[in-house]
Amino acid sequence: MKFLRTAPYLMILILGITFTSCKNDKKENTDATEMDQKAEDEAAMEAQRQEEMKETARSNSIASKAMASNDLDTLVTALKAAGLDSMMMDEGEYTVFAPTDNGFSKLKKGQLDELLNPENKEMLTGVLQYHVVQGKVTAEDLAKGIKENGGKYDIETVNGETLTAMMDGNQIVIKDGTNFKAHILQGNIEASNGIVHKIDKVLMVKG
């Protein structure tokens, strides 16, 4: 009889423990779900932030700077023809000696058309890469290199060729493989992936 009297209380106790346990399990599951959702939200926000940073960098890249300039249209056309426009928009650090439209006009008659011919894409790529140096080289770096190296400062381009920087009065000039010299018209144009120096001639590798 005593058992019968205590049985209801035991049942209530068991149900209470079971309910509390279920409640705790539910709370733990809810907490875990909320933590997972928070982690997913944070990951999504970080991915969006990274994409926004990349987009900002692309909009300030060497290629974008050239496209926005009013005297580098021919260079942009050449970069696109060679498929190098994306390279000049990607992450990295480059120095570009950028011939102006007037600089391209100084090429021999028919030479630009020859370079832009799709059949000569490899040759065009080589010419353009001859204007690109790995790393960031400012006008001040060039002047310092010239001074510290007896008046001539050799720079290796991304295609393994050499350009030589020197002074012409107060101006920095870049001598190519054919001994032609290009003057820097406007230097230190900052970009997200390097720096641009506008020059007044197209540089050519020695044939």
N, C-alpha and C. Protein backbone atom coordinates (compact mmCIF):
# COMPACT_ATOMS: atom_id res chain seq x y z
N MET A 1 0.83 -1.21 0.00
CA MET A 1 0.00 0.00 0.00
C MET A 1 0.86 1.25 0.00
N LYS A 2 1.97 1.16 0.76
CA LYS A 2 2.88 2.30 0.81
C LYS A 2 3.42 2.60 -0.58
N PHE A 3 3.72 1.53 -1.31
CA PHE A 3 4.24 1.70 -2.68
C PHE A 3 3.21 2.39 -3.55
N LEU A 4 1.95 1.98 -3.39
CA LEU A 4 0.90 2.57 -4.21
C LEU A 4 0.75 4.06 -3.93
N ARG A 5 0.98 4.42 -2.64
CA ARG A 5 0.86 5.84 -2.31
C ARG A 5 2.01 6.65 -2.88
N THR A 6 3.20 6.04 -2.94
CA THR A 6 4.38 6.79 -3.42
C THR A 6 4.54 6.72 -4.93
N ALA A 7 3.85 5.77 -5.55
CA ALA A 7 3.99 5.59 -7.00
C ALA A 7 3.69 6.85 -7.80
N PRO A 8 2.60 7.56 -7.49
CA PRO A 8 2.32 8.79 -8.26
C PRO A 8 3.44 9.80 -8.16
N TYR A 9 4.04 9.90 -6.97
CA TYR A 9 5.13 10.86 -6.80
C TYR A 9 6.35 10.46 -7.62
N LEU A 10 6.61 9.14 -7.64
CA LEU A 10 7.74 8.66 -8.45
C LEU A 10 7.50 8.94 -9.93
N MET A 11 6.26 8.73 -10.35
CA MET A 11 5.92 8.98 -11.75
C MET A 11 6.11 10.46 -12.10
N ILE A 12 5.66 11.31 -11.16
CA ILE A 12 5.82 12.76 -11.39
C ILE A 12 7.29 13.13 -11.47
N LEU A 13 8.09 12.52 -10.56
CA LEU A 13 9.53 12.80 -10.54
C LEU A 13 10.19 12.36 -11.83
N ILE A 14 9.82 11.16 -12.28
CA ILE A 14 10.39 10.63 -13.53
C ILE A 14 10.02 11.51 -14.71
N LEU A 15 8.74 11.90 -14.76
CA LEU A 15 8.29 12.77 -15.85
C LEU A 15 8.99 14.11 -15.81
N GLY A 16 9.21 14.60 -14.57
CA GLY A 16 9.90 15.89 -14.42
C GLY A 16 11.33 15.81 -14.92
N ILE A 17 12.00 14.71 -14.56
CA ILE A 17 13.39 14.53 -15.01
C ILE A 17 13.44 14.39 -16.52
N THR A 18 12.50 13.61 -17.06
CA THR A 18 12.45 13.41 -18.51
C THR A 18 12.19 14.72 -19.23
N PHE A 19 11.26 15.50 -18.70
CA PHE A 19 10.92 16.79 -19.32
C PHE A 19 12.12 17.73 -19.28
N THR A 20 12.78 17.75 -18.10
CA THR A 20 13.96 18.63 -17.96
C THR A 20 15.05 18.20 -18.92
N SER A 21 15.25 16.88 -19.03
CA SER A 21 16.27 16.36 -19.94
C SER A 21 15.96 16.72 -21.38
N CYS A 22 14.69 16.56 -21.77
CA CYS A 22 14.29 16.91 -23.14
C CYS A 22 14.46 18.40 -23.39
N LYS A 23 14.10 19.16 -22.37
CA LYS A 23 14.22 20.62 -22.49
C LYS A 23 15.68 21.02 -22.67
N ASN A 24 16.57 20.37 -21.87
CA ASN A 24 18.00 20.67 -21.98
C ASN A 24 18.54 20.26 -23.35
N ASP A 25 18.10 19.06 -23.81
CA ASP A 25 18.53 18.59 -25.13
C ASP A 25 18.09 19.56 -26.23
N LYS A 26 16.84 20.03 -26.10
CA LYS A 26 16.30 20.96 -27.09
C LYS A 26 17.08 22.26 -27.08
N LYS A 27 17.43 22.73 -25.85
CA LYS A 27 18.20 23.97 -25.73
C LYS A 27 19.58 23.82 -26.34
N GLU A 28 20.21 22.65 -26.07
CA GLU A 28 21.53 22.39 -26.64
C GLU A 28 21.47 22.34 -28.16
N ASN A 29 20.43 21.69 -28.68
CA ASN A 29 20.27 21.62 -30.14
C ASN A 29 20.04 23.00 -30.74
N THR A 30 19.23 23.80 -30.03
CA THR A 30 18.96 25.17 -30.50
C THR A 30 20.23 26.00 -30.50
N ASP A 31 21.00 25.87 -29.39
CA ASP A 31 22.27 26.62 -29.29
C ASP A 31 23.23 26.21 -30.40
N ALA A 32 23.30 24.90 -30.66
CA ALA A 32 24.20 24.41 -31.71
C ALA A 32 23.77 24.92 -33.08
N THR A 33 22.45 24.92 -33.31
CA THR A 33 21.93 25.43 -34.59
C THR A 33 22.24 26.91 -34.76
N GLU A 34 22.05 27.66 -33.66
CA GLU A 34 22.33 29.10 -33.71
C GLU A 34 23.81 29.36 -33.96
N MET A 35 24.68 28.55 -33.34
CA MET A 35 26.12 28.70 -33.54
C MET A 35 26.50 28.39 -34.99
N ASP A 36 25.90 27.32 -35.53
CA ASP A 36 26.17 26.96 -36.92
C ASP A 36 25.71 28.07 -37.87
N GLN A 37 24.52 28.62 -37.60
CA GLN A 37 23.99 29.69 -38.44
C GLN A 37 24.87 30.93 -38.35
N LYS A 38 25.34 31.23 -37.12
CA LYS A 38 26.21 32.39 -36.93
C LYS A 38 27.51 32.22 -37.71
N ALA A 39 28.06 30.99 -37.65
CA ALA A 39 29.31 30.72 -38.37
C ALA A 39 29.10 30.86 -39.88
N GLU A 40 27.95 30.37 -40.36
CA GLU A 40 27.65 30.49 -41.79
C GLU A 40 27.49 31.94 -42.20
N ASP A 41 26.80 32.72 -41.36
CA ASP A 41 26.60 34.14 -41.65
C ASP A 41 27.93 34.89 -41.68
N GLU A 42 28.80 34.57 -40.71
CA GLU A 42 30.11 35.23 -40.66
C GLU A 42 30.95 34.87 -41.87
N ALA A 43 30.88 33.59 -42.28
CA ALA A 43 31.63 33.15 -43.46
C ALA A 43 31.12 33.84 -44.72
N ALA A 44 29.80 33.99 -44.81
CA ALA A 44 29.21 34.66 -45.97
C ALA A 44 29.60 36.13 -46.02
N MET A 45 29.59 36.77 -44.84
CA MET A 45 29.98 38.19 -44.76
C MET A 45 31.44 38.38 -45.12
N GLU A 46 32.29 37.44 -44.67
CA GLU A 46 33.72 37.52 -44.98
C GLU A 46 33.96 37.32 -46.47
N ALA A 47 33.24 36.38 -47.07
CA ALA A 47 33.36 36.14 -48.51
C ALA A 47 32.93 37.37 -49.29
N GLN A 48 31.85 38.01 -48.84
CA GLN A 48 31.37 39.22 -49.51
C GLN A 48 32.38 40.35 -49.36
N ARG A 49 32.97 40.45 -48.15
CA ARG A 49 33.98 41.50 -47.91
C ARG A 49 35.20 41.30 -48.80
N GLN A 50 35.63 40.04 -48.93
CA GLN A 50 36.79 39.73 -49.77
C GLN A 50 36.50 40.06 -51.23
N GLU A 51 35.28 39.75 -51.68
CA GLU A 51 34.90 40.03 -53.07
C GLU A 51 34.84 41.53 -53.32
N GLU A 52 34.34 42.28 -52.34
CA GLU A 52 34.28 43.74 -52.47
C GLU A 52 35.68 44.33 -52.52
N MET A 53 36.60 43.77 -51.72
CA MET A 53 37.99 44.23 -51.73
C MET A 53 38.63 43.95 -53.09
N LYS A 54 38.36 42.76 -53.64
CA LYS A 54 38.90 42.40 -54.96
C LYS A 54 38.36 43.33 -56.03
N GLU A 55 37.07 43.64 -55.95
CA GLU A 55 36.45 44.52 -56.94
C GLU A 55 37.04 45.93 -56.86
N THR A 56 37.28 46.39 -55.63
CA THR A 56 37.91 47.70 -55.44
C THR A 56 39.31 47.70 -56.02
N ALA A 57 40.05 46.61 -55.78
CA ALA A 57 41.41 46.49 -56.31
C ALA A 57 41.39 46.48 -57.83
N ARG A 58 40.44 45.71 -58.42
CA ARG A 58 40.36 45.65 -59.88
C ARG A 58 40.03 47.02 -60.49
N SER A 59 39.18 47.78 -59.80
CA SER A 59 38.78 49.09 -60.33
C SER A 59 39.91 50.10 -60.24
N ASN A 60 40.95 49.78 -59.44
CA ASN A 60 42.11 50.67 -59.32
C ASN A 60 43.38 50.01 -59.87
N SER A 61 43.20 48.97 -60.66
CA SER A 61 44.35 48.22 -61.19
C SER A 61 45.03 48.98 -62.32
N ILE A 62 46.18 48.47 -62.74
CA ILE A 62 46.93 49.06 -63.84
C ILE A 62 46.06 49.12 -65.10
N ALA A 63 45.36 48.02 -65.39
CA ALA A 63 44.51 47.98 -66.58
C ALA A 63 43.41 49.03 -66.49
N SER A 64 42.78 49.15 -65.32
CA SER A 64 41.70 50.13 -65.16
C SER A 64 42.23 51.55 -65.26
N LYS A 65 43.42 51.79 -64.71
CA LYS A 65 44.03 53.12 -64.82
C LYS A 65 44.29 53.47 -66.28
N ALA A 66 44.77 52.48 -67.03
CA ALA A 66 45.05 52.72 -68.45
C ALA A 66 43.76 52.99 -69.21
N MET A 67 42.71 52.23 -68.90
CA MET A 67 41.43 52.43 -69.58
C MET A 67 40.84 53.80 -69.28
N ALA A 68 41.10 54.31 -68.08
CA ALA A 68 40.55 55.61 -67.69
C ALA A 68 41.37 56.77 -68.23
N SER A 69 42.59 56.48 -68.70
CA SER A 69 43.46 57.54 -69.22
C SER A 69 43.05 57.91 -70.64
N ASN A 70 43.20 59.19 -70.98
CA ASN A 70 42.79 59.64 -72.33
C ASN A 70 43.91 59.54 -73.36
N ASP A 71 45.08 59.05 -72.96
CA ASP A 71 46.18 58.95 -73.92
C ASP A 71 46.84 57.57 -73.94
N LEU A 72 46.11 56.55 -73.45
CA LEU A 72 46.64 55.19 -73.46
C LEU A 72 45.70 54.21 -74.17
N ASP A 73 44.89 54.74 -75.07
CA ASP A 73 43.91 53.90 -75.78
C ASP A 73 44.58 52.80 -76.60
N THR A 74 45.66 53.14 -77.28
CA THR A 74 46.34 52.15 -78.12
C THR A 74 46.94 51.05 -77.27
N LEU A 75 47.50 51.42 -76.13
CA LEU A 75 48.05 50.41 -75.22
C LEU A 75 46.96 49.46 -74.74
N VAL A 76 45.81 50.00 -74.39
CA VAL A 76 44.70 49.17 -73.94
C VAL A 76 44.27 48.20 -75.04
N THR A 77 44.19 48.71 -76.27
CA THR A 77 43.85 47.86 -77.42
C THR A 77 44.86 46.73 -77.57
N ALA A 78 46.14 47.07 -77.43
CA ALA A 78 47.20 46.07 -77.57
C ALA A 78 47.14 45.04 -76.45
N LEU A 79 46.89 45.49 -75.22
CA LEU A 79 46.78 44.57 -74.08
C LEU A 79 45.65 43.57 -74.29
N LYS A 80 44.52 44.07 -74.78
CA LYS A 80 43.38 43.19 -75.04
C LYS A 80 43.68 42.21 -76.16
N ALA A 81 44.36 42.68 -77.20
CA ALA A 81 44.70 41.82 -78.34
C ALA A 81 45.64 40.70 -77.91
N ALA A 82 46.51 41.00 -76.95
CA ALA A 82 47.47 40.00 -76.47
C ALA A 82 46.91 39.16 -75.33
N GLY A 83 45.74 39.54 -74.82
CA GLY A 83 45.15 38.81 -73.70
C GLY A 83 45.83 39.11 -72.39
N LEU A 84 46.51 40.26 -72.30
CA LEU A 84 47.23 40.63 -71.09
C LEU A 84 46.45 41.61 -70.22
N ASP A 85 45.28 42.03 -70.68
CA ASP A 85 44.50 42.99 -69.90
C ASP A 85 44.07 42.40 -68.55
N SER A 86 43.75 41.10 -68.52
CA SER A 86 43.35 40.47 -67.26
C SER A 86 44.53 40.38 -66.29
N MET A 87 45.74 40.12 -66.82
CA MET A 87 46.94 40.07 -65.99
C MET A 87 47.17 41.42 -65.31
N MET A 88 46.95 42.50 -66.05
CA MET A 88 47.17 43.83 -65.52
C MET A 88 46.04 44.27 -64.58
N MET A 89 45.04 43.39 -64.42
CA MET A 89 43.93 43.68 -63.51
C MET A 89 43.99 42.79 -62.27
N ASP A 90 44.77 41.72 -62.36
CA ASP A 90 44.84 40.76 -61.26
C ASP A 90 45.75 41.24 -60.14
N GLU A 91 45.70 40.51 -59.03
CA GLU A 91 46.57 40.81 -57.90
C GLU A 91 48.03 40.61 -58.31
N GLY A 92 48.91 41.33 -57.65
CA GLY A 92 50.34 41.25 -57.95
C GLY A 92 50.96 42.61 -57.76
N GLU A 93 52.20 42.74 -58.20
CA GLU A 93 52.88 44.03 -58.11
C GLU A 93 53.79 44.17 -59.32
N TYR A 94 53.45 45.11 -60.17
CA TYR A 94 54.18 45.31 -61.42
C TYR A 94 54.51 46.79 -61.61
N THR A 95 55.55 47.01 -62.40
CA THR A 95 55.87 48.35 -62.89
C THR A 95 55.69 48.31 -64.40
N VAL A 96 54.90 49.23 -64.92
CA VAL A 96 54.62 49.26 -66.36
C VAL A 96 55.10 50.58 -66.95
N PHE A 97 55.94 50.48 -67.97
CA PHE A 97 56.33 51.64 -68.76
C PHE A 97 55.34 51.70 -69.92
N ALA A 98 54.41 52.63 -69.83
CA ALA A 98 53.25 52.65 -70.72
C ALA A 98 53.41 53.67 -71.84
N PRO A 99 53.60 53.21 -73.08
CA PRO A 99 53.70 54.15 -74.21
C PRO A 99 52.35 54.85 -74.42
N THR A 100 52.40 56.15 -74.61
CA THR A 100 51.18 56.89 -74.90
C THR A 100 50.74 56.63 -76.34
N ASP A 101 49.56 57.12 -76.68
CA ASP A 101 49.09 56.99 -78.07
C ASP A 101 50.07 57.65 -79.03
N ASN A 102 50.61 58.79 -78.62
CA ASN A 102 51.60 59.48 -79.46
C ASN A 102 52.86 58.65 -79.59
N GLY A 103 53.21 57.94 -78.51
CA GLY A 103 54.38 57.06 -78.56
C GLY A 103 54.20 55.94 -79.56
N PHE A 104 53.02 55.35 -79.59
CA PHE A 104 52.73 54.30 -80.57
C PHE A 104 52.75 54.84 -81.99
N SER A 105 52.37 56.10 -82.15
CA SER A 105 52.33 56.69 -83.50
C SER A 105 53.72 56.86 -84.09
N LYS A 106 54.76 56.75 -83.26
CA LYS A 106 56.14 56.89 -83.73
C LYS A 106 56.71 55.59 -84.29
N LEU A 107 55.94 54.51 -84.19
CA LEU A 107 56.39 53.25 -84.79
C LEU A 107 56.46 53.41 -86.31
N LYS A 108 57.24 52.56 -86.93
CA LYS A 108 57.34 52.59 -88.39
C LYS A 108 55.97 52.33 -89.01
N LYS A 109 55.76 52.87 -90.19
CA LYS A 109 54.48 52.72 -90.87
C LYS A 109 54.12 51.24 -91.03
N GLY A 110 52.94 50.90 -90.60
CA GLY A 110 52.46 49.53 -90.72
C GLY A 110 52.87 48.62 -89.57
N GLN A 111 53.79 49.08 -88.71
CA GLN A 111 54.30 48.22 -87.64
C GLN A 111 53.23 47.93 -86.59
N LEU A 112 52.44 48.94 -86.24
CA LEU A 112 51.38 48.72 -85.25
C LEU A 112 50.34 47.73 -85.77
N ASP A 113 49.94 47.91 -87.03
CA ASP A 113 48.97 46.98 -87.62
C ASP A 113 49.52 45.56 -87.63
N GLU A 114 50.80 45.44 -87.88
CA GLU A 114 51.44 44.13 -87.89
C GLU A 114 51.39 43.50 -86.50
N LEU A 115 51.67 44.31 -85.48
CA LEU A 115 51.65 43.80 -84.11
C LEU A 115 50.24 43.38 -83.68
N LEU A 116 49.24 44.13 -84.13
CA LEU A 116 47.86 43.85 -83.72
C LEU A 116 47.21 42.73 -84.54
N ASN A 117 47.90 42.27 -85.57
CA ASN A 117 47.40 41.15 -86.36
C ASN A 117 47.32 39.91 -85.46
N PRO A 118 46.15 39.26 -85.38
CA PRO A 118 46.01 38.08 -84.51
C PRO A 118 47.06 37.01 -84.76
N GLU A 119 47.57 36.93 -85.98
CA GLU A 119 48.59 35.93 -86.29
C GLU A 119 49.92 36.25 -85.59
N ASN A 120 50.07 37.50 -85.15
CA ASN A 120 51.32 37.92 -84.51
C ASN A 120 51.14 38.14 -83.01
N LYS A 121 50.19 37.43 -82.42
CA LYS A 121 49.89 37.60 -80.99
C LYS A 121 51.10 37.34 -80.11
N GLU A 122 51.88 36.32 -80.44
CA GLU A 122 53.07 35.99 -79.64
C GLU A 122 54.08 37.13 -79.68
N MET A 123 54.28 37.71 -80.85
CA MET A 123 55.21 38.83 -80.99
C MET A 123 54.71 40.04 -80.20
N LEU A 124 53.42 40.32 -80.29
CA LEU A 124 52.83 41.44 -79.55
C LEU A 124 52.98 41.23 -78.05
N THR A 125 52.73 40.01 -77.61
CA THR A 125 52.87 39.69 -76.18
C THR A 125 54.29 39.97 -75.70
N GLY A 126 55.27 39.58 -76.51
CA GLY A 126 56.67 39.82 -76.16
C GLY A 126 56.99 41.29 -76.05
N VAL A 127 56.47 42.08 -76.99
CA VAL A 127 56.71 43.54 -76.97
C VAL A 127 56.10 44.15 -75.71
N LEU A 128 54.88 43.77 -75.40
CA LEU A 128 54.20 44.34 -74.23
C LEU A 128 54.87 43.91 -72.93
N GLN A 129 55.26 42.64 -72.85
CA GLN A 129 55.93 42.16 -71.63
C GLN A 129 57.28 42.84 -71.43
N TYR A 130 57.87 43.33 -72.52
CA TYR A 130 59.13 44.06 -72.44
C TYR A 130 58.95 45.40 -71.73
N HIS A 131 57.71 45.83 -71.56
CA HIS A 131 57.42 47.09 -70.87
C HIS A 131 57.03 46.87 -69.41
N VAL A 132 57.10 45.61 -68.96
CA VAL A 132 56.64 45.28 -67.60
C VAL A 132 57.77 44.72 -66.76
N VAL A 133 57.89 45.24 -65.55
CA VAL A 133 58.91 44.78 -64.60
C VAL A 133 58.19 44.23 -63.37
N GLN A 134 58.68 43.09 -62.87
CA GLN A 134 58.10 42.52 -61.65
C GLN A 134 58.46 43.40 -60.46
N GLY A 135 57.48 43.71 -59.62
CA GLY A 135 57.72 44.55 -58.45
C GLY A 135 57.44 46.01 -58.74
N LYS A 136 57.46 46.79 -57.70
CA LYS A 136 57.13 48.21 -57.80
C LYS A 136 58.41 49.04 -57.84
N VAL A 137 58.64 49.71 -58.96
CA VAL A 137 59.83 50.55 -59.12
C VAL A 137 59.37 51.99 -59.38
N THR A 138 59.57 52.83 -58.39
CA THR A 138 59.15 54.23 -58.52
C THR A 138 60.19 55.03 -59.29
N ALA A 139 59.82 56.25 -59.65
CA ALA A 139 60.77 57.15 -60.32
C ALA A 139 61.96 57.42 -59.41
N GLU A 140 61.69 57.51 -58.11
CA GLU A 140 62.77 57.73 -57.14
C GLU A 140 63.71 56.53 -57.09
N ASP A 141 63.16 55.33 -57.19
CA ASP A 141 63.99 54.11 -57.23
C ASP A 141 64.89 54.12 -58.47
N LEU A 142 64.33 54.54 -59.59
CA LEU A 142 65.10 54.61 -60.83
C LEU A 142 66.24 55.61 -60.70
N ALA A 143 65.93 56.79 -60.18
CA ALA A 143 66.94 57.84 -60.02
C ALA A 143 68.05 57.37 -59.08
N LYS A 144 67.66 56.70 -58.01
CA LYS A 144 68.64 56.19 -57.05
C LYS A 144 69.52 55.12 -57.69
N GLY A 145 68.88 54.21 -58.44
CA GLY A 145 69.63 53.15 -59.11
C GLY A 145 70.62 53.70 -60.12
N ILE A 146 70.19 54.72 -60.85
CA ILE A 146 71.08 55.37 -61.84
C ILE A 146 72.29 55.98 -61.14
N LYS A 147 72.03 56.67 -60.06
CA LYS A 147 73.11 57.36 -59.32
C LYS A 147 74.09 56.36 -58.72
N GLU A 148 73.56 55.26 -58.18
CA GLU A 148 74.41 54.29 -57.48
C GLU A 148 75.12 53.33 -58.43
N ASN A 149 74.77 53.36 -59.71
CA ASN A 149 75.38 52.42 -60.66
C ASN A 149 76.10 53.12 -61.81
N GLY A 150 76.68 54.26 -61.49
CA GLY A 150 77.52 54.93 -62.48
C GLY A 150 76.79 55.55 -63.64
N GLY A 151 75.52 55.90 -63.44
CA GLY A 151 74.77 56.59 -64.48
C GLY A 151 73.88 55.70 -65.33
N LYS A 152 73.94 54.38 -65.11
CA LYS A 152 73.08 53.45 -65.84
C LYS A 152 72.53 52.40 -64.89
N TYR A 153 71.24 52.13 -65.02
CA TYR A 153 70.59 51.19 -64.12
C TYR A 153 69.80 50.17 -64.93
N ASP A 154 70.27 48.93 -64.94
CA ASP A 154 69.61 47.87 -65.71
C ASP A 154 68.44 47.28 -64.93
N ILE A 155 67.35 47.06 -65.65
CA ILE A 155 66.13 46.51 -65.06
C ILE A 155 65.71 45.30 -65.87
N GLU A 156 65.41 44.20 -65.20
CA GLU A 156 64.96 42.99 -65.90
C GLU A 156 63.44 43.01 -66.06
N THR A 157 62.98 42.76 -67.27
CA THR A 157 61.54 42.73 -67.54
C THR A 157 60.99 41.33 -67.27
N VAL A 158 59.66 41.20 -67.30
CA VAL A 158 59.04 39.91 -66.98
C VAL A 158 59.33 38.83 -68.01
N ASN A 159 59.78 39.22 -69.21
CA ASN A 159 60.14 38.20 -70.20
C ASN A 159 61.65 37.97 -70.27
N GLY A 160 62.35 38.41 -69.21
CA GLY A 160 63.77 38.12 -69.08
C GLY A 160 64.71 39.01 -69.86
N GLU A 161 64.18 40.04 -70.51
CA GLU A 161 65.02 40.99 -71.24
C GLU A 161 65.44 42.14 -70.32
N THR A 162 66.24 43.05 -70.86
CA THR A 162 66.78 44.14 -70.03
C THR A 162 66.47 45.51 -70.61
N LEU A 163 66.06 46.40 -69.72
CA LEU A 163 65.92 47.83 -70.03
C LEU A 163 66.98 48.57 -69.23
N THR A 164 67.42 49.71 -69.73
CA THR A 164 68.43 50.49 -69.03
C THR A 164 67.90 51.89 -68.77
N ALA A 165 67.87 52.25 -67.49
CA ALA A 165 67.44 53.60 -67.10
C ALA A 165 68.67 54.49 -66.98
N MET A 166 68.54 55.73 -67.44
CA MET A 166 69.62 56.71 -67.34
C MET A 166 69.01 58.11 -67.33
N MET A 167 69.85 59.09 -67.11
CA MET A 167 69.37 60.47 -67.07
C MET A 167 69.65 61.17 -68.39
N ASP A 168 68.74 62.03 -68.79
CA ASP A 168 68.92 62.92 -69.93
C ASP A 168 68.59 64.31 -69.40
N GLY A 169 69.63 64.99 -68.92
CA GLY A 169 69.40 66.24 -68.21
C GLY A 169 68.74 65.94 -66.88
N ASN A 170 67.56 66.49 -66.67
CA ASN A 170 66.82 66.23 -65.44
C ASN A 170 65.75 65.16 -65.61
N GLN A 171 65.68 64.58 -66.81
CA GLN A 171 64.65 63.58 -67.10
C GLN A 171 65.22 62.17 -67.08
N ILE A 172 64.40 61.24 -66.59
CA ILE A 172 64.77 59.83 -66.64
C ILE A 172 64.36 59.27 -68.00
N VAL A 173 65.27 58.57 -68.64
CA VAL A 173 64.95 57.93 -69.92
C VAL A 173 65.18 56.42 -69.78
N ILE A 174 64.45 55.67 -70.58
CA ILE A 174 64.57 54.21 -70.60
C ILE A 174 65.08 53.80 -71.97
N LYS A 175 66.26 53.16 -72.00
CA LYS A 175 66.84 52.72 -73.26
C LYS A 175 66.48 51.26 -73.50
N ASP A 176 66.03 50.97 -74.73
CA ASP A 176 65.64 49.60 -75.06
C ASP A 176 66.78 48.84 -75.74
N GLY A 177 66.49 47.65 -76.22
CA GLY A 177 67.51 46.81 -76.85
C GLY A 177 68.01 47.32 -78.17
N THR A 178 67.29 48.26 -78.79
CA THR A 178 67.72 48.82 -80.07
C THR A 178 68.42 50.17 -79.89
N ASN A 179 68.68 50.51 -78.62
CA ASN A 179 69.34 51.77 -78.24
C ASN A 179 68.45 53.01 -78.40
N PHE A 180 67.17 52.82 -78.65
CA PHE A 180 66.25 53.95 -78.64
C PHE A 180 65.93 54.31 -77.19
N LYS A 181 65.71 55.58 -76.96
CA LYS A 181 65.43 56.04 -75.60
C LYS A 181 64.03 56.64 -75.50
N ALA A 182 63.32 56.22 -74.47
CA ALA A 182 61.98 56.75 -74.20
C ALA A 182 62.03 57.59 -72.93
N HIS A 183 61.50 58.80 -73.00
CA HIS A 183 61.45 59.67 -71.83
C HIS A 183 60.21 59.36 -70.99
N ILE A 184 60.37 59.42 -69.69
CA ILE A 184 59.22 59.28 -68.80
C ILE A 184 58.49 60.61 -68.77
N LEU A 185 57.27 60.61 -69.28
CA LEU A 185 56.47 61.84 -69.34
C LEU A 185 55.73 62.09 -68.04
N GLN A 186 55.23 61.02 -67.46
CA GLN A 186 54.50 61.11 -66.19
C GLN A 186 54.77 59.84 -65.41
N GLY A 187 55.37 59.98 -64.25
CA GLY A 187 55.74 58.82 -63.46
C GLY A 187 54.89 58.65 -62.21
N ASN A 188 55.09 57.50 -61.57
CA ASN A 188 54.48 57.22 -60.27
C ASN A 188 52.95 57.31 -60.26
N ILE A 189 52.32 56.75 -61.29
CA ILE A 189 50.86 56.65 -61.28
C ILE A 189 50.52 55.38 -60.51
N GLU A 190 50.02 55.55 -59.29
CA GLU A 190 49.78 54.43 -58.39
C GLU A 190 48.56 53.61 -58.82
N ALA A 191 48.70 52.31 -58.70
CA ALA A 191 47.59 51.38 -58.96
C ALA A 191 47.58 50.33 -57.85
N SER A 192 46.49 49.61 -57.75
CA SER A 192 46.36 48.61 -56.69
C SER A 192 47.35 47.46 -56.86
N ASN A 193 47.80 47.23 -58.08
CA ASN A 193 48.73 46.13 -58.34
C ASN A 193 50.05 46.61 -58.93
N GLY A 194 50.43 47.83 -58.58
CA GLY A 194 51.73 48.32 -59.02
C GLY A 194 51.76 49.80 -59.33
N ILE A 195 52.57 50.15 -60.32
CA ILE A 195 52.78 51.55 -60.64
C ILE A 195 53.00 51.70 -62.15
N VAL A 196 52.60 52.85 -62.68
CA VAL A 196 52.70 53.10 -64.12
C VAL A 196 53.53 54.35 -64.37
N HIS A 197 54.42 54.26 -65.37
CA HIS A 197 55.17 55.42 -65.85
C HIS A 197 54.83 55.60 -67.33
N LYS A 198 54.25 56.71 -67.68
CA LYS A 198 53.95 56.97 -69.10
C LYS A 198 55.23 57.37 -69.82
N ILE A 199 55.46 56.77 -71.00
CA ILE A 199 56.66 57.08 -71.78
C ILE A 199 56.27 57.50 -73.20
N ASP A 200 57.22 58.14 -73.89
CA ASP A 200 56.89 58.73 -75.19
C ASP A 200 57.28 57.89 -76.40
N LYS A 201 57.70 56.64 -76.17
CA LYS A 201 58.04 55.74 -77.28
C LYS A 201 57.70 54.31 -76.89
N VAL A 202 57.60 53.46 -77.90
CA VAL A 202 57.43 52.02 -77.67
C VAL A 202 58.81 51.39 -77.60
N LEU A 203 59.03 50.59 -76.57
CA LEU A 203 60.33 49.94 -76.37
C LEU A 203 60.38 48.63 -77.15
N MET A 204 61.52 48.37 -77.76
CA MET A 204 61.67 47.17 -78.58
C MET A 204 62.91 46.37 -78.18
N VAL A 205 62.75 45.05 -78.18
CA VAL A 205 63.88 44.15 -77.92
C VAL A 205 64.78 44.15 -79.15
N LYS A 206 66.08 43.99 -78.93
CA LYS A 206 67.01 43.91 -80.05
C LYS A 206 66.69 42.68 -80.89
N GLY A 207 66.51 42.90 -82.19
CA GLY A 207 66.13 41.81 -83.09
C GLY A 207 67.28 40.88 -83.43
